[in-house]
Amino acid sequence: MPNPITPASPTDVFPAMAYSALSEELRIESYVNSYPDGSSDRFALQTYERHFFRITLRVTAAQYTSLWQFFSTHLVFPFYFYVPRLTVPPFHPDPSGAATQGRFVTVFDGDWSDRLNLGRSEVSLGLREVK
């Protein structure tokens, strides 16, 4: 008999930086089994929506290095991510992770994407909520 799955218990918080773009998507993923006659069987894989975030940041060289180190150390480990508009007070995320307003437990969803420019670089990352 397999052991029950324990919920994610993050300890770190995604670094608070000014986002040049932040998009949020809510998904309820489902399983679809299609047949040759056009019929299908469908059922939800979960009973709640899951948040997906896509952020783009314009960063300096020092911020780029610290963000890359955070990304490389948290590839498979969950961390807290604050949506700035949902925090109390608005746009003030808690660097300790203690405040629960606007906080999501997330993991990286996808690859590191960057564009190097003179002065500032642009980094784009995907995040997926885990519950």
N, C-alpha and C. Protein backbone atom coordinates (compact mmCIF):
# COMPACT_ATOMS: atom_id res chain seq x y z
N MET A 1 0.85 -1.17 0.00
CA MET A 1 0.00 0.00 0.00
C MET A 1 0.90 1.24 0.00
N PRO A 2 0.74 2.14 -0.99
CA PRO A 2 1.58 3.34 -1.04
C PRO A 2 1.25 4.31 0.08
N ASN A 3 2.22 5.10 0.44
CA ASN A 3 2.02 6.11 1.47
C ASN A 3 1.17 7.26 0.92
N PRO A 4 0.42 7.95 1.76
CA PRO A 4 -0.35 9.09 1.28
C PRO A 4 0.58 10.22 0.86
N ILE A 5 0.11 11.01 -0.07
CA ILE A 5 0.89 12.14 -0.56
C ILE A 5 0.81 13.26 0.46
N THR A 6 1.95 13.78 0.85
CA THR A 6 1.99 14.89 1.80
C THR A 6 1.96 16.21 1.03
N PRO A 7 1.29 17.21 1.55
CA PRO A 7 1.24 18.50 0.85
C PRO A 7 2.61 19.17 0.82
N ALA A 8 2.79 20.03 -0.17
CA ALA A 8 4.05 20.76 -0.31
C ALA A 8 4.27 21.67 0.89
N SER A 9 5.50 21.74 1.36
CA SER A 9 5.82 22.60 2.50
C SER A 9 7.02 23.47 2.14
N PRO A 10 6.77 24.57 1.42
CA PRO A 10 7.87 25.45 1.02
C PRO A 10 8.42 26.26 2.19
N THR A 11 9.65 26.69 2.05
CA THR A 11 10.27 27.54 3.06
C THR A 11 10.75 28.85 2.46
N ASP A 12 10.96 28.91 1.15
CA ASP A 12 11.50 30.11 0.50
C ASP A 12 10.40 30.87 -0.23
N VAL A 13 10.69 32.14 -0.51
CA VAL A 13 9.77 33.03 -1.20
C VAL A 13 10.43 33.51 -2.49
N PHE A 14 9.66 33.51 -3.58
CA PHE A 14 10.17 34.03 -4.84
C PHE A 14 10.59 35.47 -4.63
N PRO A 15 11.78 35.87 -5.13
CA PRO A 15 12.27 37.24 -4.89
C PRO A 15 11.29 38.30 -5.41
N ALA A 16 11.02 39.28 -4.61
CA ALA A 16 10.12 40.37 -4.99
C ALA A 16 10.87 41.33 -5.91
N MET A 17 10.39 41.43 -7.14
CA MET A 17 10.98 42.33 -8.12
C MET A 17 9.83 42.99 -8.88
N ALA A 18 10.14 44.04 -9.59
CA ALA A 18 9.12 44.72 -10.39
C ALA A 18 8.91 43.92 -11.67
N TYR A 19 7.68 43.46 -11.88
CA TYR A 19 7.36 42.69 -13.08
C TYR A 19 6.99 43.64 -14.21
N SER A 20 7.53 43.38 -15.39
CA SER A 20 7.08 44.16 -16.53
C SER A 20 5.82 43.53 -17.12
N ALA A 21 5.58 42.25 -16.81
CA ALA A 21 4.34 41.58 -17.23
C ALA A 21 4.06 40.44 -16.26
N LEU A 22 2.79 40.30 -15.87
CA LEU A 22 2.35 39.20 -15.02
C LEU A 22 0.98 38.76 -15.52
N SER A 23 0.90 37.51 -15.95
CA SER A 23 -0.40 36.98 -16.38
C SER A 23 -0.76 35.80 -15.51
N GLU A 24 -2.05 35.65 -15.25
CA GLU A 24 -2.56 34.58 -14.41
C GLU A 24 -3.63 33.83 -15.19
N GLU A 25 -3.57 32.52 -15.12
CA GLU A 25 -4.54 31.68 -15.82
C GLU A 25 -5.08 30.64 -14.84
N LEU A 26 -6.38 30.45 -14.83
CA LEU A 26 -7.01 29.43 -14.00
C LEU A 26 -7.41 28.26 -14.90
N ARG A 27 -7.02 27.05 -14.49
CA ARG A 27 -7.34 25.87 -15.29
C ARG A 27 -7.94 24.79 -14.41
N ILE A 28 -8.90 24.07 -14.97
CA ILE A 28 -9.36 22.81 -14.40
C ILE A 28 -9.05 21.78 -15.47
N GLU A 29 -8.01 21.01 -15.24
CA GLU A 29 -7.56 20.07 -16.25
C GLU A 29 -8.40 18.81 -16.22
N SER A 30 -8.59 18.23 -17.40
CA SER A 30 -9.43 17.04 -17.51
C SER A 30 -8.77 16.00 -18.40
N TYR A 31 -9.27 14.80 -18.29
CA TYR A 31 -8.81 13.69 -19.11
C TYR A 31 -9.86 13.46 -20.19
N VAL A 32 -9.43 13.38 -21.44
CA VAL A 32 -10.35 13.16 -22.55
C VAL A 32 -9.88 11.93 -23.31
N ASN A 33 -10.78 10.96 -23.45
CA ASN A 33 -10.51 9.75 -24.22
C ASN A 33 -11.43 9.78 -25.43
N SER A 34 -10.88 10.01 -26.63
CA SER A 34 -11.67 10.12 -27.86
C SER A 34 -11.70 8.79 -28.59
N TYR A 35 -12.85 8.50 -29.21
CA TYR A 35 -13.04 7.27 -29.97
C TYR A 35 -13.19 7.57 -31.45
N PRO A 36 -12.95 6.59 -32.33
CA PRO A 36 -13.02 6.82 -33.78
C PRO A 36 -14.39 7.30 -34.26
N ASP A 37 -15.47 6.96 -33.57
CA ASP A 37 -16.80 7.38 -34.02
C ASP A 37 -17.14 8.81 -33.61
N GLY A 38 -16.19 9.51 -32.98
CA GLY A 38 -16.39 10.90 -32.58
C GLY A 38 -16.87 11.08 -31.15
N SER A 39 -17.23 10.01 -30.48
CA SER A 39 -17.65 10.13 -29.08
C SER A 39 -16.42 10.21 -28.18
N SER A 40 -16.63 10.60 -26.94
CA SER A 40 -15.51 10.73 -26.02
C SER A 40 -15.98 10.54 -24.59
N ASP A 41 -15.06 10.14 -23.76
CA ASP A 41 -15.26 10.08 -22.32
C ASP A 41 -14.41 11.18 -21.70
N ARG A 42 -14.99 11.94 -20.77
CA ARG A 42 -14.26 13.05 -20.15
C ARG A 42 -14.50 13.03 -18.64
N PHE A 43 -13.45 13.34 -17.90
CA PHE A 43 -13.64 13.56 -16.46
C PHE A 43 -12.52 14.47 -15.95
N ALA A 44 -12.86 15.25 -14.96
CA ALA A 44 -11.91 16.21 -14.40
C ALA A 44 -10.85 15.48 -13.59
N LEU A 45 -9.62 15.92 -13.73
CA LEU A 45 -8.52 15.34 -12.97
C LEU A 45 -8.41 15.95 -11.58
N GLN A 46 -9.13 17.03 -11.34
CA GLN A 46 -9.12 17.69 -10.04
C GLN A 46 -10.46 18.37 -9.85
N THR A 47 -10.77 18.71 -8.63
CA THR A 47 -12.05 19.36 -8.35
C THR A 47 -11.91 20.84 -8.05
N TYR A 48 -10.75 21.38 -8.21
CA TYR A 48 -10.51 22.79 -7.95
C TYR A 48 -9.66 23.36 -9.09
N GLU A 49 -9.74 24.67 -9.26
CA GLU A 49 -8.93 25.30 -10.30
C GLU A 49 -7.48 25.41 -9.83
N ARG A 50 -6.59 25.43 -10.79
CA ARG A 50 -5.16 25.58 -10.49
C ARG A 50 -4.68 26.84 -11.18
N HIS A 51 -3.91 27.64 -10.46
CA HIS A 51 -3.38 28.90 -10.99
C HIS A 51 -2.07 28.63 -11.73
N PHE A 52 -1.94 29.24 -12.90
CA PHE A 52 -0.71 29.23 -13.66
C PHE A 52 -0.32 30.69 -13.87
N PHE A 53 0.94 31.00 -13.63
CA PHE A 53 1.43 32.37 -13.76
C PHE A 53 2.52 32.41 -14.81
N ARG A 54 2.59 33.51 -15.55
CA ARG A 54 3.68 33.78 -16.47
C ARG A 54 4.18 35.16 -16.15
N ILE A 55 5.44 35.27 -15.75
CA ILE A 55 5.98 36.57 -15.37
C ILE A 55 7.15 36.92 -16.27
N THR A 56 7.29 38.20 -16.53
CA THR A 56 8.42 38.73 -17.28
C THR A 56 9.02 39.84 -16.45
N LEU A 57 10.33 39.79 -16.30
CA LEU A 57 11.02 40.77 -15.46
C LEU A 57 12.16 41.39 -16.25
N ARG A 58 12.35 42.69 -16.09
CA ARG A 58 13.54 43.36 -16.62
C ARG A 58 14.51 43.50 -15.44
N VAL A 59 15.68 42.88 -15.57
CA VAL A 59 16.59 42.78 -14.43
C VAL A 59 17.98 43.29 -14.78
N THR A 60 18.68 43.74 -13.74
CA THR A 60 20.09 44.11 -13.89
C THR A 60 20.93 42.84 -13.82
N ALA A 61 22.22 42.99 -13.99
CA ALA A 61 23.12 41.83 -13.96
C ALA A 61 23.09 41.14 -12.59
N ALA A 62 23.08 41.92 -11.51
CA ALA A 62 23.05 41.32 -10.16
C ALA A 62 21.72 40.62 -9.91
N GLN A 63 20.60 41.23 -10.32
CA GLN A 63 19.30 40.60 -10.16
C GLN A 63 19.20 39.33 -11.02
N TYR A 64 19.77 39.37 -12.21
CA TYR A 64 19.77 38.21 -13.10
C TYR A 64 20.49 37.03 -12.42
N THR A 65 21.63 37.31 -11.83
CA THR A 65 22.40 36.25 -11.16
C THR A 65 21.64 35.68 -9.98
N SER A 66 21.05 36.53 -9.15
CA SER A 66 20.31 36.02 -7.99
C SER A 66 19.06 35.26 -8.42
N LEU A 67 18.38 35.72 -9.47
CA LEU A 67 17.20 35.02 -9.98
C LEU A 67 17.58 33.66 -10.58
N TRP A 68 18.70 33.62 -11.29
CA TRP A 68 19.17 32.35 -11.85
C TRP A 68 19.52 31.36 -10.73
N GLN A 69 20.16 31.84 -9.67
CA GLN A 69 20.49 30.96 -8.55
C GLN A 69 19.22 30.44 -7.88
N PHE A 70 18.21 31.30 -7.72
CA PHE A 70 16.94 30.86 -7.14
C PHE A 70 16.29 29.81 -8.04
N PHE A 71 16.28 30.07 -9.33
CA PHE A 71 15.69 29.12 -10.29
C PHE A 71 16.41 27.78 -10.24
N SER A 72 17.73 27.78 -10.25
CA SER A 72 18.48 26.52 -10.30
C SER A 72 18.38 25.74 -8.99
N THR A 73 18.20 26.40 -7.86
CA THR A 73 18.08 25.67 -6.59
C THR A 73 16.64 25.23 -6.31
N HIS A 74 15.66 25.78 -7.03
CA HIS A 74 14.25 25.44 -6.78
C HIS A 74 13.61 24.75 -7.98
N LEU A 75 14.38 24.08 -8.79
CA LEU A 75 13.82 23.40 -9.96
C LEU A 75 12.76 22.38 -9.58
N VAL A 76 12.96 21.66 -8.50
CA VAL A 76 12.01 20.62 -8.09
C VAL A 76 11.43 20.86 -6.70
N PHE A 77 11.73 21.98 -6.09
CA PHE A 77 11.24 22.27 -4.75
C PHE A 77 10.21 23.40 -4.81
N PRO A 78 9.12 23.29 -4.05
CA PRO A 78 8.11 24.35 -4.06
C PRO A 78 8.58 25.59 -3.30
N PHE A 79 7.96 26.71 -3.61
CA PHE A 79 8.26 27.98 -2.96
C PHE A 79 7.00 28.83 -2.98
N TYR A 80 7.01 29.90 -2.17
CA TYR A 80 5.87 30.81 -2.13
C TYR A 80 6.03 31.87 -3.21
N PHE A 81 4.90 32.24 -3.82
CA PHE A 81 4.87 33.32 -4.80
C PHE A 81 3.71 34.23 -4.42
N TYR A 82 3.98 35.52 -4.32
CA TYR A 82 2.95 36.50 -3.98
C TYR A 82 2.48 37.22 -5.23
N VAL A 83 1.17 37.26 -5.42
CA VAL A 83 0.57 38.08 -6.48
C VAL A 83 0.43 39.48 -5.89
N PRO A 84 1.14 40.46 -6.45
CA PRO A 84 1.20 41.79 -5.81
C PRO A 84 -0.15 42.45 -5.54
N ARG A 85 -1.10 42.32 -6.44
CA ARG A 85 -2.39 42.99 -6.26
C ARG A 85 -3.26 42.35 -5.17
N LEU A 86 -2.92 41.12 -4.76
CA LEU A 86 -3.71 40.43 -3.74
C LEU A 86 -3.14 40.54 -2.34
N THR A 87 -1.95 41.10 -2.20
CA THR A 87 -1.33 41.22 -0.88
C THR A 87 -1.98 42.35 -0.09
N VAL A 88 -1.82 42.29 1.24
CA VAL A 88 -2.34 43.34 2.12
C VAL A 88 -1.18 43.92 2.90
N PRO A 89 -0.85 45.21 2.75
CA PRO A 89 -1.39 46.16 1.80
C PRO A 89 -0.99 45.79 0.37
N PRO A 90 -1.74 46.29 -0.64
CA PRO A 90 -1.44 45.92 -2.03
C PRO A 90 -0.02 46.26 -2.44
N PHE A 91 0.56 45.38 -3.22
CA PHE A 91 1.90 45.52 -3.80
C PHE A 91 3.01 45.55 -2.75
N HIS A 92 2.79 44.85 -1.63
CA HIS A 92 3.81 44.70 -0.59
C HIS A 92 3.92 43.23 -0.17
N PRO A 93 4.60 42.40 -0.98
CA PRO A 93 4.73 40.99 -0.60
C PRO A 93 5.61 40.82 0.63
N ASP A 94 5.33 39.79 1.39
CA ASP A 94 6.07 39.50 2.61
C ASP A 94 7.30 38.65 2.27
N PRO A 95 8.52 39.15 2.46
CA PRO A 95 9.72 38.37 2.11
C PRO A 95 9.94 37.15 3.00
N SER A 96 9.27 37.10 4.17
CA SER A 96 9.44 35.95 5.05
C SER A 96 8.49 34.81 4.69
N GLY A 97 7.41 35.12 3.97
CA GLY A 97 6.43 34.11 3.60
C GLY A 97 5.37 33.86 4.66
N ALA A 98 5.34 34.66 5.71
CA ALA A 98 4.38 34.45 6.81
C ALA A 98 2.98 34.93 6.45
N ALA A 99 2.87 36.00 5.69
CA ALA A 99 1.55 36.53 5.32
C ALA A 99 0.88 35.60 4.32
N THR A 100 -0.39 35.31 4.54
CA THR A 100 -1.09 34.37 3.66
C THR A 100 -1.89 35.04 2.56
N GLN A 101 -2.19 36.33 2.70
CA GLN A 101 -2.96 37.03 1.67
C GLN A 101 -2.14 37.15 0.39
N GLY A 102 -2.66 36.64 -0.71
CA GLY A 102 -1.99 36.75 -2.00
C GLY A 102 -0.86 35.76 -2.21
N ARG A 103 -0.71 34.81 -1.30
CA ARG A 103 0.40 33.85 -1.35
C ARG A 103 -0.07 32.55 -2.01
N PHE A 104 0.74 32.02 -2.91
CA PHE A 104 0.48 30.75 -3.57
C PHE A 104 1.70 29.86 -3.43
N VAL A 105 1.48 28.57 -3.24
CA VAL A 105 2.58 27.59 -3.25
C VAL A 105 2.76 27.18 -4.69
N THR A 106 3.95 27.42 -5.24
CA THR A 106 4.19 27.20 -6.66
C THR A 106 5.48 26.43 -6.90
N VAL A 107 5.61 25.94 -8.12
CA VAL A 107 6.83 25.37 -8.65
C VAL A 107 7.03 25.97 -10.03
N PHE A 108 8.23 25.85 -10.56
CA PHE A 108 8.48 26.37 -11.91
C PHE A 108 7.80 25.47 -12.92
N ASP A 109 7.18 26.07 -13.91
CA ASP A 109 6.47 25.35 -14.96
C ASP A 109 7.10 25.74 -16.29
N GLY A 110 8.02 24.94 -16.76
CA GLY A 110 8.68 25.23 -18.02
C GLY A 110 10.13 25.64 -17.83
N ASP A 111 10.70 26.08 -18.91
CA ASP A 111 12.12 26.41 -18.95
C ASP A 111 12.39 27.87 -18.61
N TRP A 112 13.66 28.13 -18.35
CA TRP A 112 14.17 29.49 -18.16
C TRP A 112 14.25 30.12 -19.56
N SER A 113 13.73 31.31 -19.70
CA SER A 113 13.78 32.02 -20.97
C SER A 113 14.31 33.42 -20.71
N ASP A 114 15.33 33.81 -21.44
CA ASP A 114 15.88 35.15 -21.25
C ASP A 114 16.27 35.78 -22.57
N ARG A 115 16.39 37.09 -22.51
CA ARG A 115 16.87 37.88 -23.65
C ARG A 115 17.85 38.89 -23.08
N LEU A 116 19.09 38.78 -23.48
CA LEU A 116 20.13 39.64 -22.94
C LEU A 116 20.20 40.94 -23.74
N ASN A 117 20.15 42.05 -23.04
CA ASN A 117 20.23 43.37 -23.65
C ASN A 117 21.35 44.16 -22.98
N LEU A 118 21.66 45.30 -23.50
CA LEU A 118 22.63 46.17 -22.85
C LEU A 118 21.97 46.82 -21.64
N GLY A 119 22.63 46.76 -20.52
CA GLY A 119 22.09 47.39 -19.30
C GLY A 119 21.16 46.49 -18.52
N ARG A 120 20.07 46.08 -19.12
CA ARG A 120 19.10 45.22 -18.45
C ARG A 120 18.74 44.05 -19.36
N SER A 121 18.48 42.94 -18.73
CA SER A 121 18.06 41.75 -19.46
C SER A 121 16.60 41.47 -19.14
N GLU A 122 15.97 40.65 -19.98
CA GLU A 122 14.57 40.30 -19.77
C GLU A 122 14.47 38.80 -19.53
N VAL A 123 13.84 38.42 -18.41
CA VAL A 123 13.68 37.02 -18.05
C VAL A 123 12.20 36.71 -18.01
N SER A 124 11.82 35.57 -18.58
CA SER A 124 10.43 35.13 -18.58
C SER A 124 10.35 33.75 -17.97
N LEU A 125 9.44 33.58 -16.99
CA LEU A 125 9.31 32.32 -16.26
C LEU A 125 7.84 31.94 -16.12
N GLY A 126 7.59 30.64 -16.09
CA GLY A 126 6.26 30.12 -15.83
C GLY A 126 6.21 29.50 -14.45
N LEU A 127 5.11 29.70 -13.74
CA LEU A 127 4.92 29.13 -12.41
C LEU A 127 3.59 28.38 -12.39
N ARG A 128 3.55 27.29 -11.64
CA ARG A 128 2.33 26.49 -11.51
C ARG A 128 2.02 26.29 -10.03
N GLU A 129 0.78 26.52 -9.67
CA GLU A 129 0.37 26.34 -8.27
C GLU A 129 0.29 24.85 -7.95
N VAL A 130 0.74 24.48 -6.76
CA VAL A 130 0.57 23.13 -6.25
C VAL A 130 -0.22 23.22 -4.96
N LYS A 131 -1.08 22.25 -4.73
CA LYS A 131 -1.91 22.27 -3.52
C LYS A 131 -1.69 21.00 -2.75
